[in-house]
Amino acid sequence: AMRVMFPDLMNKRTCKYFDSFCNIDKVDAIRSPVLVIHGVADDVIGVEHGIELYRRCYKTVDACWIQAAGHNDLIIYPEYYERLQLFIKELRAYANEELEIGWILCTTNLFIKKI
């Protein structure tokens, strides 16, 4: 989150201190459809970070901004599972394209995971 808020102060050497996974530097390299899920009420990593990640993605599907979700509670909201199910269906629509694999980018937990 610090890298998004203060990009001029951050560099690759300081990235690990502020964002251990440096998703913001990696996300534009993913050429498969990306689903961004983020809790709007996250007070650890603000939703602005998720929005910036979404903006930098090469190819996205509609993001899932869960209004009441905080930092570690996305999985208690039905919207989370509904959007994941829809994402899997959307990946099938891309089946005729040459894709590496589908990706889930969950900014609340700061990881990029192949599915």
C-alpha atoms as a PDB file:
ATOM      1  CA  ALA A   1       0.000   0.000   0.000  1.00  0.00           C
ATOM      2  CA  MET A   2       2.859   2.381   0.750  1.00  0.00           C
ATOM      3  CA  ARG A   3       4.230   1.863  -2.762  1.00  0.00           C
ATOM      4  CA  VAL A   4       0.931   2.944  -4.278  1.00  0.00           C
ATOM      5  CA  MET A   5       0.514   5.949  -2.016  1.00  0.00           C
ATOM      6  CA  PHE A   6       4.137   7.163  -2.311  1.00  0.00           C
ATOM      7  CA  PRO A   7       5.596   5.779  -5.549  1.00  0.00           C
ATOM      8  CA  ASP A   8       8.306   8.440  -5.741  1.00  0.00           C
ATOM      9  CA  LEU A   9       9.700   7.418  -2.364  1.00  0.00           C
ATOM     10  CA  MET A  10       9.733   3.706  -3.076  1.00  0.00           C
ATOM     11  CA  ASN A  11      11.991   1.638  -5.270  1.00  0.00           C
ATOM     12  CA  LYS A  12      12.674  -2.057  -5.738  1.00  0.00           C
ATOM     13  CA  ARG A  13      15.150  -2.047  -2.870  1.00  0.00           C
ATOM     14  CA  THR A  14      12.622  -0.659  -0.397  1.00  0.00           C
ATOM     15  CA  CYS A  15       9.672  -2.584  -1.830  1.00  0.00           C
ATOM     16  CA  LYS A  16      10.164  -5.541   0.503  1.00  0.00           C
ATOM     17  CA  TYR A  17       9.765  -3.288   3.525  1.00  0.00           C
ATOM     18  CA  PHE A  18       6.433  -1.886   2.453  1.00  0.00           C
ATOM     19  CA  ASP A  19       4.889  -4.605   0.284  1.00  0.00           C
ATOM     20  CA  SER A  20       6.471  -7.999   0.746  1.00  0.00           C
ATOM     21  CA  PHE A  21       5.046  -9.379  -2.508  1.00  0.00           C
ATOM     22  CA  CYS A  22       5.402  -6.236  -4.678  1.00  0.00           C
ATOM     23  CA  ASN A  23       2.211  -7.116  -6.570  1.00  0.00           C
ATOM     24  CA  ILE A  24       2.049  -3.626  -8.023  1.00  0.00           C
ATOM     25  CA  ASP A  25       5.282  -4.317  -9.957  1.00  0.00           C
ATOM     26  CA  LYS A  26       4.206  -7.753 -11.188  1.00  0.00           C
ATOM     27  CA  VAL A  27       0.565  -7.486 -12.125  1.00  0.00           C
ATOM     28  CA  ASP A  28       1.062  -5.928 -15.570  1.00  0.00           C
ATOM     29  CA  ALA A  29       3.046  -9.004 -16.669  1.00  0.00           C
ATOM     30  CA  ILE A  30       0.035 -11.301 -16.293  1.00  0.00           C
ATOM     31  CA  ARG A  31      -1.601 -11.783 -19.678  1.00  0.00           C
ATOM     32  CA  SER A  32      -4.465 -13.950 -18.457  1.00  0.00           C
ATOM     33  CA  PRO A  33      -7.739 -12.558 -17.125  1.00  0.00           C
ATOM     34  CA  VAL A  34      -7.293 -11.259 -13.577  1.00  0.00           C
ATOM     35  CA  LEU A  35      -9.924 -11.037 -10.877  1.00  0.00           C
ATOM     36  CA  VAL A  36      -9.226  -8.446  -8.190  1.00  0.00           C
ATOM     37  CA  ILE A  37     -11.086  -8.896  -4.900  1.00  0.00           C
ATOM     38  CA  HIS A  38     -10.664  -6.373  -2.099  1.00  0.00           C
ATOM     39  CA  GLY A  39     -12.471  -5.383   1.061  1.00  0.00           C
ATOM     40  CA  VAL A  40     -13.532  -1.750   0.974  1.00  0.00           C
ATOM     41  CA  ALA A  41     -13.408  -1.584   4.788  1.00  0.00           C
ATOM     42  CA  ASP A  42      -9.817  -2.892   4.880  1.00  0.00           C
ATOM     43  CA  ASP A  43      -7.944  -0.657   7.302  1.00  0.00           C
ATOM     44  CA  VAL A  44      -4.601  -2.451   6.824  1.00  0.00           C
ATOM     45  CA  ILE A  45      -4.269  -2.194   3.035  1.00  0.00           C
ATOM     46  CA  GLY A  46      -6.619   0.420   1.688  1.00  0.00           C
ATOM     47  CA  VAL A  47      -8.936  -0.252  -1.207  1.00  0.00           C
ATOM     48  CA  GLU A  48      -6.928   2.312  -3.192  1.00  0.00           C
ATOM     49  CA  HIS A  49      -4.196  -0.319  -3.491  1.00  0.00           C
ATOM     50  CA  GLY A  50      -6.673  -2.780  -5.005  1.00  0.00           C
ATOM     51  CA  ILE A  51      -7.971  -0.143  -7.386  1.00  0.00           C
ATOM     52  CA  GLU A  52      -4.454   0.657  -8.572  1.00  0.00           C
ATOM     53  CA  LEU A  53      -3.673  -3.035  -9.067  1.00  0.00           C
ATOM     54  CA  TYR A  54      -6.881  -3.392 -11.067  1.00  0.00           C
ATOM     55  CA  ARG A  55      -5.951  -0.359 -13.155  1.00  0.00           C
ATOM     56  CA  ARG A  56      -2.523  -1.804 -13.955  1.00  0.00           C
ATOM     57  CA  CYS A  57      -3.761  -5.236 -15.024  1.00  0.00           C
ATOM     58  CA  TYR A  58      -3.424  -6.054 -18.710  1.00  0.00           C
ATOM     59  CA  LYS A  59      -6.707  -7.974 -18.892  1.00  0.00           C
ATOM     60  CA  THR A  60      -9.295  -7.917 -16.137  1.00  0.00           C
ATOM     61  CA  VAL A  61     -12.766  -9.139 -15.428  1.00  0.00           C
ATOM     62  CA  ASP A  62     -15.080  -7.050 -13.266  1.00  0.00           C
ATOM     63  CA  ALA A  63     -13.494  -6.600  -9.860  1.00  0.00           C
ATOM     64  CA  CYS A  64     -15.207  -7.532  -6.621  1.00  0.00           C
ATOM     65  CA  TRP A  65     -15.202  -4.713  -4.073  1.00  0.00           C
ATOM     66  CA  ILE A  66     -16.821  -6.086  -0.916  1.00  0.00           C
ATOM     67  CA  GLN A  67     -18.132  -3.098   1.012  1.00  0.00           C
ATOM     68  CA  ALA A  68     -18.139  -4.506   4.550  1.00  0.00           C
ATOM     69  CA  ALA A  69     -15.038  -6.708   4.209  1.00  0.00           C
ATOM     70  CA  GLY A  70     -11.900  -5.837   6.089  1.00  0.00           C
ATOM     71  CA  HIS A  71      -8.401  -7.244   5.803  1.00  0.00           C
ATOM     72  CA  ASN A  72      -8.806 -10.933   6.602  1.00  0.00           C
ATOM     73  CA  ASP A  73     -12.509 -11.639   6.421  1.00  0.00           C
ATOM     74  CA  LEU A  74     -13.354 -11.812   2.719  1.00  0.00           C
ATOM     75  CA  ILE A  75     -14.318 -15.461   2.973  1.00  0.00           C
ATOM     76  CA  ILE A  76     -17.277 -14.766   5.258  1.00  0.00           C
ATOM     77  CA  TYR A  77     -19.088 -12.793   2.563  1.00  0.00           C
ATOM     78  CA  PRO A  78     -21.244 -14.589  -0.033  1.00  0.00           C
ATOM     79  CA  GLU A  79     -20.150 -12.069  -2.684  1.00  0.00           C
ATOM     80  CA  TYR A  80     -16.640 -13.512  -2.493  1.00  0.00           C
ATOM     81  CA  TYR A  81     -17.780 -17.014  -3.496  1.00  0.00           C
ATOM     82  CA  GLU A  82     -20.311 -15.757  -6.014  1.00  0.00           C
ATOM     83  CA  ARG A  83     -17.629 -13.728  -7.789  1.00  0.00           C
ATOM     84  CA  LEU A  84     -15.181 -16.652  -7.768  1.00  0.00           C
ATOM     85  CA  GLN A  85     -17.800 -18.907  -9.350  1.00  0.00           C
ATOM     86  CA  LEU A  86     -18.507 -16.297 -12.010  1.00  0.00           C
ATOM     87  CA  PHE A  87     -14.778 -15.901 -12.648  1.00  0.00           C
ATOM     88  CA  ILE A  88     -14.427 -19.617 -13.342  1.00  0.00           C
ATOM     89  CA  LYS A  89     -17.289 -19.351 -15.853  1.00  0.00           C
ATOM     90  CA  GLU A  90     -15.628 -16.318 -17.423  1.00  0.00           C
ATOM     91  CA  LEU A  91     -12.392 -18.276 -17.819  1.00  0.00           C
ATOM     92  CA  ARG A  92     -14.283 -20.865 -19.820  1.00  0.00           C
ATOM     93  CA  ALA A  93     -15.283 -18.085 -22.221  1.00  0.00           C
ATOM     94  CA  TYR A  94     -11.583 -17.459 -22.825  1.00  0.00           C
ATOM     95  CA  ALA A  95     -10.947 -21.169 -23.468  1.00  0.00           C
ATOM     96  CA  ASN A  96     -10.401 -20.612 -27.192  1.00  0.00           C
ATOM     97  CA  GLU A  97      -7.681 -18.067 -26.525  1.00  0.00           C
ATOM     98  CA  GLU A  98      -4.171 -19.131 -25.660  1.00  0.00           C
ATOM     99  CA  LEU A  99      -3.977 -18.352 -21.966  1.00  0.00           C
ATOM    100  CA  GLU A 100      -1.328 -19.337 -19.490  1.00  0.00           C
ATOM    101  CA  ILE A 101      -3.872 -20.003 -16.754  1.00  0.00           C
ATOM    102  CA  GLY A 102      -6.432 -18.063 -14.766  1.00  0.00           C
ATOM    103  CA  TRP A 103      -5.229 -15.908 -11.907  1.00  0.00           C
ATOM    104  CA  ILE A 104      -6.778 -14.711  -8.703  1.00  0.00           C
ATOM    105  CA  LEU A 105      -5.259 -11.537  -7.334  1.00  0.00           C
ATOM    106  CA  CYS A 106      -6.406 -11.022  -3.790  1.00  0.00           C
ATOM    107  CA  THR A 107      -5.010  -7.728  -2.601  1.00  0.00           C
ATOM    108  CA  THR A 108      -6.412  -7.982   0.885  1.00  0.00           C
ATOM    109  CA  ASN A 109      -4.105 -10.894   1.585  1.00  0.00           C
ATOM    110  CA  LEU A 110      -1.398  -9.679  -0.804  1.00  0.00           C
ATOM    111  CA  PHE A 111      -0.885 -12.701  -2.970  1.00  0.00           C
ATOM    112  CA  ILE A 112      -1.062 -13.683  -6.583  1.00  0.00           C
ATOM    113  CA  LYS A 113      -2.147 -17.279  -7.026  1.00  0.00           C
ATOM    114  CA  LYS A 114      -2.596 -19.480 -10.069  1.00  0.00           C
ATOM    115  CA  ILE A 115      -5.821 -21.423 -10.221  1.00  0.00           C
END
